[in-house]
């Protein structure tokens, strides 16, 4: 928890804050830099689950493209009675519905139901997420995500919900709002035809996993490195706090040199004759 120690931030003035033992002097621009890095790290390290799965038969499904990242609106659908459902894929919902907050049910959950009477229920927990094939005899039909251990309903049973992703290459992302949510004895079912319900190639899954972990590593590197430089190296909370700043300033130059070198080597490999000149006493000589 951060505690303000100095004057309030105002025109031309900063304030001194302490965060976990780290003393910082901030102005408005520095504060924005700090909070941006911090928010980025939180979004990367947020409560999410593995969003691709390979079944014993070798079929792999990747739902990463449907997961709503931090700050984006959750998916939603309704049923025939006008009850609304808000949910995320492979992650907790980004926003707890107002009805849940009003009823003091502001818990983290992947799926919420808000009834037409403004009641609210959470329908499962992320840690209980399971994968199933829609049809084991026809794996290409699609895949199901289950969330178990939801809020209790009649008879002391826990609510649960499944999201059925039917394979439809022509549907694009698809919209769960196109179909009514079904409910029977505290078991809920969401129907969602989508291209993501089709088996994915293993190479694409590996590629997206690499991209995700790469950006996670970059975010952690920037935030942890900046905090270290401020706390131990005495850097101010500005661009000076960026780890290995001198290296990053040299990156454009190194990139241009790399492009020139690559062009040179490609021309040589293709058998092109490179002409280089050197001036000697004002006269150009080819070599």
C-alpha atoms as a PDB file:
ATOM      1  CA  UNK A   1       0.000   0.000   0.000  1.00  0.00           C
ATOM      2  CA  UNK A   2       1.396   3.398  -0.913  1.00  0.00           C
ATOM      3  CA  UNK A   3       1.443   6.273   1.576  1.00  0.00           C
ATOM      4  CA  UNK A   4       1.784   9.929   0.665  1.00  0.00           C
ATOM      5  CA  UNK A   5       4.365  11.765   2.763  1.00  0.00           C
ATOM      6  CA  UNK A   6       4.875  15.121   1.093  1.00  0.00           C
ATOM      7  CA  UNK A   7       2.845  17.838  -0.549  1.00  0.00           C
ATOM      8  CA  UNK A   8       0.117  17.086  -3.006  1.00  0.00           C
ATOM      9  CA  UNK A   9       1.019  16.894  -6.667  1.00  0.00           C
ATOM     10  CA  UNK A  10       0.497  20.342  -8.149  1.00  0.00           C
ATOM     11  CA  UNK A  11       1.860  22.541 -10.888  1.00  0.00           C
ATOM     12  CA  UNK A  12       5.601  22.156 -10.987  1.00  0.00           C
ATOM     13  CA  UNK A  13       5.656  20.306  -7.685  1.00  0.00           C
ATOM     14  CA  UNK A  14       6.086  16.664  -6.882  1.00  0.00           C
ATOM     15  CA  UNK A  15       5.328  14.557  -3.858  1.00  0.00           C
ATOM     16  CA  UNK A  16       7.264  11.946  -1.956  1.00  0.00           C
ATOM     17  CA  UNK A  17       5.653   8.552  -1.583  1.00  0.00           C
ATOM     18  CA  UNK A  18       6.712   5.300  -0.005  1.00  0.00           C
ATOM     19  CA  UNK A  19       5.770   1.976  -1.599  1.00  0.00           C
ATOM     20  CA  UNK A  20       6.998  -1.176   0.090  1.00  0.00           C
ATOM     21  CA  UNK A  21       9.975   0.628   1.565  1.00  0.00           C
ATOM     22  CA  UNK A  22      10.865   2.443  -1.672  1.00  0.00           C
ATOM     23  CA  UNK A  23      10.972   6.247  -1.401  1.00  0.00           C
ATOM     24  CA  UNK A  24      10.012   7.977  -4.624  1.00  0.00           C
ATOM     25  CA  UNK A  25       9.815  11.616  -5.667  1.00  0.00           C
ATOM     26  CA  UNK A  26       7.194  11.965  -8.358  1.00  0.00           C
ATOM     27  CA  UNK A  27       5.751  14.540 -10.662  1.00  0.00           C
ATOM     28  CA  UNK A  28       2.701  13.913 -12.804  1.00  0.00           C
ATOM     29  CA  UNK A  29       4.534  12.543 -15.858  1.00  0.00           C
ATOM     30  CA  UNK A  30       6.677  10.260 -13.722  1.00  0.00           C
ATOM     31  CA  UNK A  31       3.608   9.009 -11.893  1.00  0.00           C
ATOM     32  CA  UNK A  32       1.951   8.115 -15.196  1.00  0.00           C
ATOM     33  CA  UNK A  33       5.040   6.187 -16.286  1.00  0.00           C
ATOM     34  CA  UNK A  34       5.153   4.276 -13.023  1.00  0.00           C
ATOM     35  CA  UNK A  35       1.449   3.385 -13.024  1.00  0.00           C
ATOM     36  CA  UNK A  36       1.553   2.324 -16.675  1.00  0.00           C
ATOM     37  CA  UNK A  37       4.338  -0.162 -15.992  1.00  0.00           C
ATOM     38  CA  UNK A  38       2.583  -1.373 -12.868  1.00  0.00           C
ATOM     39  CA  UNK A  39      -0.755  -1.866 -14.659  1.00  0.00           C
ATOM     40  CA  UNK A  40       0.958  -3.710 -17.491  1.00  0.00           C
ATOM     41  CA  UNK A  41       2.587  -6.128 -15.063  1.00  0.00           C
ATOM     42  CA  UNK A  42      -0.745  -6.713 -13.305  1.00  0.00           C
ATOM     43  CA  UNK A  43      -2.521  -7.469 -16.560  1.00  0.00           C
ATOM     44  CA  UNK A  44       0.147 -10.001 -17.497  1.00  0.00           C
ATOM     45  CA  UNK A  45       0.152 -11.641 -14.090  1.00  0.00           C
ATOM     46  CA  UNK A  46      -3.635 -11.534 -13.668  1.00  0.00           C
ATOM     47  CA  UNK A  47      -5.813 -14.513 -12.724  1.00  0.00           C
ATOM     48  CA  UNK A  48      -5.933 -16.533 -15.936  1.00  0.00           C
ATOM     49  CA  UNK A  49      -5.655 -20.189 -16.907  1.00  0.00           C
ATOM     50  CA  UNK A  50      -3.973 -22.088 -19.712  1.00  0.00           C
ATOM     51  CA  UNK A  51      -6.130 -21.405 -22.768  1.00  0.00           C
ATOM     52  CA  UNK A  52      -5.068 -24.249 -25.047  1.00  0.00           C
ATOM     53  CA  UNK A  53      -5.516 -27.957 -24.504  1.00  0.00           C
ATOM     54  CA  UNK A  54      -4.471 -31.159 -26.256  1.00  0.00           C
ATOM     55  CA  UNK A  55      -6.663 -34.223 -25.793  1.00  0.00           C
ATOM     56  CA  UNK A  56      -5.318 -37.809 -25.697  1.00  0.00           C
ATOM     57  CA  UNK A  57      -6.428 -38.305 -29.313  1.00  0.00           C
ATOM     58  CA  UNK A  58      -3.995 -35.563 -30.371  1.00  0.00           C
ATOM     59  CA  UNK A  59      -6.598 -32.884 -31.130  1.00  0.00           C
ATOM     60  CA  UNK A  60      -5.524 -29.446 -29.878  1.00  0.00           C
ATOM     61  CA  UNK A  61      -7.854 -26.528 -29.220  1.00  0.00           C
ATOM     62  CA  UNK A  62      -6.714 -22.960 -28.618  1.00  0.00           C
ATOM     63  CA  UNK A  63      -9.196 -20.448 -27.158  1.00  0.00           C
ATOM     64  CA  UNK A  64      -6.623 -17.719 -26.479  1.00  0.00           C
ATOM     65  CA  UNK A  65      -8.225 -15.472 -29.076  1.00  0.00           C
ATOM     66  CA  UNK A  66     -11.434 -15.355 -27.018  1.00  0.00           C
ATOM     67  CA  UNK A  67      -9.901 -14.434 -23.681  1.00  0.00           C
ATOM     68  CA  UNK A  68     -10.732 -10.848 -22.756  1.00  0.00           C
ATOM     69  CA  UNK A  69      -7.589  -9.065 -21.500  1.00  0.00           C
ATOM     70  CA  UNK A  70      -7.612  -6.654 -18.611  1.00  0.00           C
ATOM     71  CA  UNK A  71      -9.623  -3.525 -19.354  1.00  0.00           C
ATOM     72  CA  UNK A  72     -11.843  -5.006 -22.075  1.00  0.00           C
ATOM     73  CA  UNK A  73     -15.552  -5.636 -21.707  1.00  0.00           C
ATOM     74  CA  UNK A  74     -16.551  -9.193 -20.779  1.00  0.00           C
ATOM     75  CA  UNK A  75     -18.583 -11.426 -23.072  1.00  0.00           C
ATOM     76  CA  UNK A  76     -22.304 -11.515 -22.371  1.00  0.00           C
ATOM     77  CA  UNK A  77     -25.444 -13.457 -23.279  1.00  0.00           C
ATOM     78  CA  UNK A  78     -29.017 -13.832 -22.038  1.00  0.00           C
ATOM     79  CA  UNK A  79     -31.693 -16.484 -21.589  1.00  0.00           C
ATOM     80  CA  UNK A  80     -35.389 -16.638 -22.459  1.00  0.00           C
ATOM     81  CA  UNK A  81     -36.337 -15.060 -19.124  1.00  0.00           C
ATOM     82  CA  UNK A  82     -34.194 -11.964 -19.621  1.00  0.00           C
ATOM     83  CA  UNK A  83     -31.464 -12.995 -17.177  1.00  0.00           C
ATOM     84  CA  UNK A  84     -28.016 -11.751 -18.226  1.00  0.00           C
ATOM     85  CA  UNK A  85     -24.710 -13.610 -18.104  1.00  0.00           C
ATOM     86  CA  UNK A  86     -21.266 -11.991 -18.089  1.00  0.00           C
ATOM     87  CA  UNK A  87     -18.167 -14.117 -18.512  1.00  0.00           C
ATOM     88  CA  UNK A  88     -14.598 -14.499 -19.665  1.00  0.00           C
ATOM     89  CA  UNK A  89     -12.794 -17.381 -21.356  1.00  0.00           C
ATOM     90  CA  UNK A  90      -9.885 -18.975 -19.470  1.00  0.00           C
ATOM     91  CA  UNK A  91      -9.937 -16.132 -16.968  1.00  0.00           C
ATOM     92  CA  UNK A  92     -11.994 -14.380 -14.339  1.00  0.00           C
ATOM     93  CA  UNK A  93     -14.450 -11.756 -15.525  1.00  0.00           C
ATOM     94  CA  UNK A  94     -12.784  -8.360 -15.777  1.00  0.00           C
ATOM     95  CA  UNK A  95     -15.655  -6.575 -14.068  1.00  0.00           C
ATOM     96  CA  UNK A  96     -17.937  -7.702 -11.261  1.00  0.00           C
ATOM     97  CA  UNK A  97     -21.525  -6.700 -12.165  1.00  0.00           C
ATOM     98  CA  UNK A  98     -22.980  -3.833 -10.148  1.00  0.00           C
ATOM     99  CA  UNK A  99     -25.763  -6.076  -8.864  1.00  0.00           C
ATOM    100  CA  UNK A 100     -23.155  -8.384  -7.326  1.00  0.00           C
ATOM    101  CA  UNK A 101     -21.313  -5.488  -5.714  1.00  0.00           C
ATOM    102  CA  UNK A 102     -24.579  -4.137  -4.307  1.00  0.00           C
ATOM    103  CA  UNK A 103     -25.334  -7.554  -2.779  1.00  0.00           C
ATOM    104  CA  UNK A 104     -21.784  -7.793  -1.375  1.00  0.00           C
ATOM    105  CA  UNK A 105     -20.895 -10.634  -3.749  1.00  0.00           C
ATOM    106  CA  UNK A 106     -17.861  -8.939  -5.267  1.00  0.00           C
ATOM    107  CA  UNK A 107     -15.931 -12.197  -5.632  1.00  0.00           C
ATOM    108  CA  UNK A 108     -13.578 -13.116  -8.460  1.00  0.00           C
ATOM    109  CA  UNK A 109     -15.294 -15.561 -10.796  1.00  0.00           C
ATOM    110  CA  UNK A 110     -15.265 -16.359 -14.530  1.00  0.00           C
ATOM    111  CA  UNK A 111     -19.067 -16.244 -14.964  1.00  0.00           C
ATOM    112  CA  UNK A 112     -21.831 -14.185 -13.327  1.00  0.00           C
ATOM    113  CA  UNK A 113     -25.601 -14.327 -13.687  1.00  0.00           C
ATOM    114  CA  UNK A 114     -27.659 -11.186 -13.091  1.00  0.00           C
ATOM    115  CA  UNK A 115     -31.353 -12.054 -12.922  1.00  0.00           C
ATOM    116  CA  UNK A 116     -34.231  -9.948 -14.185  1.00  0.00           C
ATOM    117  CA  UNK A 117     -34.940  -9.185 -10.508  1.00  0.00           C
ATOM    118  CA  UNK A 118     -31.408  -7.762 -10.009  1.00  0.00           C
ATOM    119  CA  UNK A 119     -30.203 -10.760  -8.042  1.00  0.00           C
ATOM    120  CA  UNK A 120     -26.682 -11.997  -8.743  1.00  0.00           C
ATOM    121  CA  UNK A 121     -24.917 -15.375  -8.660  1.00  0.00           C
ATOM    122  CA  UNK A 122     -21.414 -16.494  -9.547  1.00  0.00           C
ATOM    123  CA  UNK A 123     -21.531 -19.732 -11.504  1.00  0.00           C
ATOM    124  CA  UNK A 124     -18.098 -21.285 -11.080  1.00  0.00           C
ATOM    125  CA  UNK A 125     -14.458 -20.830 -10.188  1.00  0.00           C
ATOM    126  CA  UNK A 126     -11.467 -20.532 -12.473  1.00  0.00           C
ATOM    127  CA  UNK A 127      -9.418 -23.092 -10.562  1.00  0.00           C
ATOM    128  CA  UNK A 128     -12.063 -25.736 -11.320  1.00  0.00           C
ATOM    129  CA  UNK A 129     -11.989 -25.184 -15.102  1.00  0.00           C
ATOM    130  CA  UNK A 130     -12.047 -28.390 -17.170  1.00  0.00           C
ATOM    131  CA  UNK A 131     -11.904 -29.204 -20.880  1.00  0.00           C
ATOM    132  CA  UNK A 132     -14.143 -31.718 -22.673  1.00  0.00           C
ATOM    133  CA  UNK A 133     -14.912 -32.612 -26.265  1.00  0.00           C
ATOM    134  CA  UNK A 134     -18.472 -31.891 -27.374  1.00  0.00           C
ATOM    135  CA  UNK A 135     -18.543 -35.282 -29.104  1.00  0.00           C
ATOM    136  CA  UNK A 136     -15.810 -37.801 -28.359  1.00  0.00           C
ATOM    137  CA  UNK A 137     -16.753 -39.732 -31.498  1.00  0.00           C
ATOM    138  CA  UNK A 138     -16.392 -36.574 -33.608  1.00  0.00           C
ATOM    139  CA  UNK A 139     -13.594 -34.460 -32.040  1.00  0.00           C
ATOM    140  CA  UNK A 140     -13.792 -31.835 -34.781  1.00  0.00           C
ATOM    141  CA  UNK A 141     -17.326 -30.918 -33.640  1.00  0.00           C
ATOM    142  CA  UNK A 142     -15.918 -28.603 -31.005  1.00  0.00           C
ATOM    143  CA  UNK A 143     -14.798 -28.228 -27.409  1.00  0.00           C
ATOM    144  CA  UNK A 144     -16.395 -27.399 -24.054  1.00  0.00           C
ATOM    145  CA  UNK A 145     -15.114 -25.419 -21.074  1.00  0.00           C
ATOM    146  CA  UNK A 146     -16.593 -26.230 -17.669  1.00  0.00           C
ATOM    147  CA  UNK A 147     -16.453 -24.048 -14.565  1.00  0.00           C
ATOM    148  CA  UNK A 148     -17.460 -25.889 -11.390  1.00  0.00           C
ATOM    149  CA  UNK A 149     -17.866 -24.988  -7.676  1.00  0.00           C
ATOM    150  CA  UNK A 150     -20.098 -21.969  -8.178  1.00  0.00           C
ATOM    151  CA  UNK A 151     -22.382 -20.325  -5.656  1.00  0.00           C
ATOM    152  CA  UNK A 152     -24.732 -22.730  -3.899  1.00  0.00           C
ATOM    153  CA  UNK A 153     -28.322 -23.053  -5.063  1.00  0.00           C
ATOM    154  CA  UNK A 154     -31.297 -25.105  -3.847  1.00  0.00           C
ATOM    155  CA  UNK A 155     -30.455 -28.271  -1.960  1.00  0.00           C
ATOM    156  CA  UNK A 156     -26.919 -27.139  -1.204  1.00  0.00           C
ATOM    157  CA  UNK A 157     -25.694 -27.931  -4.713  1.00  0.00           C
ATOM    158  CA  UNK A 158     -23.011 -25.802  -6.315  1.00  0.00           C
ATOM    159  CA  UNK A 159     -23.801 -24.069  -9.575  1.00  0.00           C
ATOM    160  CA  UNK A 160     -21.721 -24.920 -12.644  1.00  0.00           C
ATOM    161  CA  UNK A 161     -21.599 -23.741 -16.233  1.00  0.00           C
ATOM    162  CA  UNK A 162     -20.313 -25.050 -19.523  1.00  0.00           C
ATOM    163  CA  UNK A 163     -19.460 -23.021 -22.609  1.00  0.00           C
ATOM    164  CA  UNK A 164     -19.797 -25.037 -25.803  1.00  0.00           C
ATOM    165  CA  UNK A 165     -17.601 -23.819 -28.653  1.00  0.00           C
ATOM    166  CA  UNK A 166     -18.973 -25.460 -31.793  1.00  0.00           C
ATOM    167  CA  UNK A 167     -16.579 -25.593 -34.724  1.00  0.00           C
ATOM    168  CA  UNK A 168     -17.740 -23.171 -37.418  1.00  0.00           C
ATOM    169  CA  UNK A 169     -14.908 -21.806 -39.606  1.00  0.00           C
ATOM    170  CA  UNK A 170     -17.296 -19.341 -41.278  1.00  0.00           C
ATOM    171  CA  UNK A 171     -18.531 -17.813 -38.006  1.00  0.00           C
ATOM    172  CA  UNK A 172     -15.321 -15.945 -37.259  1.00  0.00           C
ATOM    173  CA  UNK A 173     -15.117 -15.119 -33.566  1.00  0.00           C
ATOM    174  CA  UNK A 174     -18.860 -15.615 -33.240  1.00  0.00           C
ATOM    175  CA  UNK A 175     -21.213 -14.176 -30.603  1.00  0.00           C
ATOM    176  CA  UNK A 176     -22.624 -16.040 -27.612  1.00  0.00           C
ATOM    177  CA  UNK A 177     -25.482 -13.524 -27.612  1.00  0.00           C
ATOM    178  CA  UNK A 178     -26.884 -15.215 -30.745  1.00  0.00           C
ATOM    179  CA  UNK A 179     -28.142 -18.157 -28.663  1.00  0.00           C
ATOM    180  CA  UNK A 180     -30.064 -18.329 -25.414  1.00  0.00           C
ATOM    181  CA  UNK A 181     -28.309 -19.600 -22.308  1.00  0.00           C
ATOM    182  CA  UNK A 182     -29.965 -22.779 -21.000  1.00  0.00           C
ATOM    183  CA  UNK A 183     -30.388 -23.593 -17.314  1.00  0.00           C
ATOM    184  CA  UNK A 184     -31.570 -26.779 -15.650  1.00  0.00           C
ATOM    185  CA  UNK A 185     -31.176 -27.672 -11.967  1.00  0.00           C
ATOM    186  CA  UNK A 186     -28.378 -25.119 -11.421  1.00  0.00           C
ATOM    187  CA  UNK A 187     -26.469 -26.360 -14.489  1.00  0.00           C
ATOM    188  CA  UNK A 188     -25.986 -23.643 -17.118  1.00  0.00           C
ATOM    189  CA  UNK A 189     -25.033 -24.013 -20.777  1.00  0.00           C
ATOM    190  CA  UNK A 190     -23.751 -21.340 -23.185  1.00  0.00           C
ATOM    191  CA  UNK A 191     -23.759 -22.074 -26.937  1.00  0.00           C
ATOM    192  CA  UNK A 192     -21.084 -20.379 -29.039  1.00  0.00           C
ATOM    193  CA  UNK A 193     -20.328 -21.334 -32.674  1.00  0.00           C
ATOM    194  CA  UNK A 194     -16.871 -19.986 -33.524  1.00  0.00           C
ATOM    195  CA  UNK A 195     -13.790 -20.653 -35.583  1.00  0.00           C
ATOM    196  CA  UNK A 196     -11.996 -21.131 -32.266  1.00  0.00           C
ATOM    197  CA  UNK A 197     -14.127 -24.207 -31.664  1.00  0.00           C
ATOM    198  CA  UNK A 198     -12.197 -25.943 -34.440  1.00  0.00           C
ATOM    199  CA  UNK A 199      -9.023 -27.929 -33.740  1.00  0.00           C
ATOM    200  CA  UNK A 200      -5.890 -25.808 -34.050  1.00  0.00           C
ATOM    201  CA  UNK A 201      -2.546 -26.778 -35.501  1.00  0.00           C
ATOM    202  CA  UNK A 202       0.114 -27.379 -32.862  1.00  0.00           C
ATOM    203  CA  UNK A 203       2.424 -24.819 -34.490  1.00  0.00           C
ATOM    204  CA  UNK A 204      -0.066 -21.984 -34.046  1.00  0.00           C
ATOM    205  CA  UNK A 205      -0.569 -22.880 -30.374  1.00  0.00           C
ATOM    206  CA  UNK A 206       3.164 -22.904 -29.752  1.00  0.00           C
ATOM    207  CA  UNK A 207       3.505 -19.597 -31.592  1.00  0.00           C
ATOM    208  CA  UNK A 208       0.890 -17.814 -29.501  1.00  0.00           C
ATOM    209  CA  UNK A 209       2.305 -19.307 -26.293  1.00  0.00           C
ATOM    210  CA  UNK A 210       5.713 -17.913 -27.201  1.00  0.00           C
ATOM    211  CA  UNK A 211       4.269 -14.451 -27.916  1.00  0.00           C
ATOM    212  CA  UNK A 212       2.381 -14.436 -24.605  1.00  0.00           C
ATOM    213  CA  UNK A 213       5.410 -15.433 -22.551  1.00  0.00           C
ATOM    214  CA  UNK A 214       7.645 -13.025 -24.458  1.00  0.00           C
ATOM    215  CA  UNK A 215       5.503 -10.005 -23.589  1.00  0.00           C
ATOM    216  CA  UNK A 216       5.110 -11.260 -20.019  1.00  0.00           C
ATOM    217  CA  UNK A 217       8.891 -11.426 -19.702  1.00  0.00           C
ATOM    218  CA  UNK A 218       9.314  -7.932 -21.189  1.00  0.00           C
ATOM    219  CA  UNK A 219       6.749  -6.461 -18.768  1.00  0.00           C
ATOM    220  CA  UNK A 220       8.402  -8.123 -15.774  1.00  0.00           C
ATOM    221  CA  UNK A 221      11.855  -7.011 -16.958  1.00  0.00           C
ATOM    222  CA  UNK A 222      10.771  -3.366 -17.303  1.00  0.00           C
ATOM    223  CA  UNK A 223       8.875  -3.137 -14.034  1.00  0.00           C
ATOM    224  CA  UNK A 224      11.337  -5.051 -11.834  1.00  0.00           C
ATOM    225  CA  UNK A 225      14.347  -3.390 -13.465  1.00  0.00           C
ATOM    226  CA  UNK A 226      12.874   0.094 -13.013  1.00  0.00           C
ATOM    227  CA  UNK A 227      12.030  -0.595  -9.360  1.00  0.00           C
ATOM    228  CA  UNK A 228      15.571  -1.872  -8.738  1.00  0.00           C
ATOM    229  CA  UNK A 229      17.169   1.188 -10.349  1.00  0.00           C
ATOM    230  CA  UNK A 230      15.010   3.559  -8.316  1.00  0.00           C
ATOM    231  CA  UNK A 231      15.519   1.779  -5.012  1.00  0.00           C
ATOM    232  CA  UNK A 232      19.173   0.735  -5.227  1.00  0.00           C
ATOM    233  CA  UNK A 233      20.734   2.947  -7.909  1.00  0.00           C
ATOM    234  CA  UNK A 234      19.083   6.235  -6.934  1.00  0.00           C
ATOM    235  CA  UNK A 235      17.433   6.765 -10.326  1.00  0.00           C
ATOM    236  CA  UNK A 236      14.442   9.084 -10.563  1.00  0.00           C
ATOM    237  CA  UNK A 237      11.059   7.709 -11.612  1.00  0.00           C
ATOM    238  CA  UNK A 238      11.429   8.675 -15.261  1.00  0.00           C
ATOM    239  CA  UNK A 239      13.017   7.236 -18.372  1.00  0.00           C
ATOM    240  CA  UNK A 240      16.262   7.109 -16.360  1.00  0.00           C
ATOM    241  CA  UNK A 241      14.797   4.184 -14.434  1.00  0.00           C
ATOM    242  CA  UNK A 242      14.479   1.991 -17.542  1.00  0.00           C
ATOM    243  CA  UNK A 243      16.915  -0.921 -17.128  1.00  0.00           C
ATOM    244  CA  UNK A 244      19.927  -0.959 -19.490  1.00  0.00           C
ATOM    245  CA  UNK A 245      18.894   2.393 -20.903  1.00  0.00           C
ATOM    246  CA  UNK A 246      22.142   2.929 -22.825  1.00  0.00           C
ATOM    247  CA  UNK A 247      21.647  -0.354 -24.656  1.00  0.00           C
ATOM    248  CA  UNK A 248      18.102   0.594 -25.718  1.00  0.00           C
ATOM    249  CA  UNK A 249      19.383   3.937 -26.995  1.00  0.00           C
ATOM    250  CA  UNK A 250      21.823   2.043 -29.205  1.00  0.00           C
ATOM    251  CA  UNK A 251      19.183  -0.345 -30.578  1.00  0.00           C
ATOM    252  CA  UNK A 252      18.214   1.834 -33.610  1.00  0.00           C
ATOM    253  CA  UNK A 253      21.874   2.148 -34.636  1.00  0.00           C
ATOM    254  CA  UNK A 254      22.467  -1.579 -34.172  1.00  0.00           C
ATOM    255  CA  UNK A 255      19.338  -2.351 -36.183  1.00  0.00           C
ATOM    256  CA  UNK A 256      20.488  -0.192 -39.108  1.00  0.00           C
ATOM    257  CA  UNK A 257      23.910  -1.822 -39.071  1.00  0.00           C
ATOM    258  CA  UNK A 258      22.244  -5.222 -39.041  1.00  0.00           C
ATOM    259  CA  UNK A 259      20.121  -4.317 -42.061  1.00  0.00           C
ATOM    260  CA  UNK A 260      23.155  -3.081 -43.999  1.00  0.00           C
ATOM    261  CA  UNK A 261      25.152  -6.184 -43.134  1.00  0.00           C
ATOM    262  CA  UNK A 262      22.281  -8.479 -44.118  1.00  0.00           C
ATOM    263  CA  UNK A 263      21.862  -6.661 -47.435  1.00  0.00           C
ATOM    264  CA  UNK A 264      25.578  -7.024 -48.085  1.00  0.00           C
ATOM    265  CA  UNK A 265      25.605 -10.764 -47.335  1.00  0.00           C
ATOM    266  CA  UNK A 266      22.471 -11.475 -49.387  1.00  0.00           C
ATOM    267  CA  UNK A 267      23.971  -9.702 -52.391  1.00  0.00           C
ATOM    268  CA  UNK A 268      27.162 -11.744 -52.078  1.00  0.00           C
ATOM    269  CA  UNK A 269      25.256 -15.026 -51.773  1.00  0.00           C
ATOM    270  CA  UNK A 270      23.182 -14.184 -54.841  1.00  0.00           C
ATOM    271  CA  UNK A 271      26.350 -13.654 -56.834  1.00  0.00           C
ATOM    272  CA  UNK A 272      25.910  -9.916 -57.199  1.00  0.00           C
ATOM    273  CA  UNK A 273      29.046  -7.879 -57.762  1.00  0.00           C
ATOM    274  CA  UNK A 274      29.456  -5.358 -54.994  1.00  0.00           C
ATOM    275  CA  UNK A 275      31.312  -2.212 -55.835  1.00  0.00           C
ATOM    276  CA  UNK A 276      33.093  -0.462 -53.026  1.00  0.00           C
ATOM    277  CA  UNK A 277      35.135   2.673 -53.472  1.00  0.00           C
ATOM    278  CA  UNK A 278      37.863   4.346 -51.516  1.00  0.00           C
ATOM    279  CA  UNK A 279      39.127   7.849 -52.084  1.00  0.00           C
ATOM    280  CA  UNK A 280      42.898   8.243 -52.322  1.00  0.00           C
ATOM    281  CA  UNK A 281      44.224  11.746 -52.947  1.00  0.00           C
ATOM    282  CA  UNK A 282      40.788  12.814 -54.147  1.00  0.00           C
ATOM    283  CA  UNK A 283      40.533   9.959 -56.708  1.00  0.00           C
ATOM    284  CA  UNK A 284      38.024   7.108 -56.259  1.00  0.00           C
ATOM    285  CA  UNK A 285      39.459   3.590 -56.704  1.00  0.00           C
ATOM    286  CA  UNK A 286      37.255   0.503 -57.058  1.00  0.00           C
ATOM    287  CA  UNK A 287      38.192  -2.634 -55.121  1.00  0.00           C
END
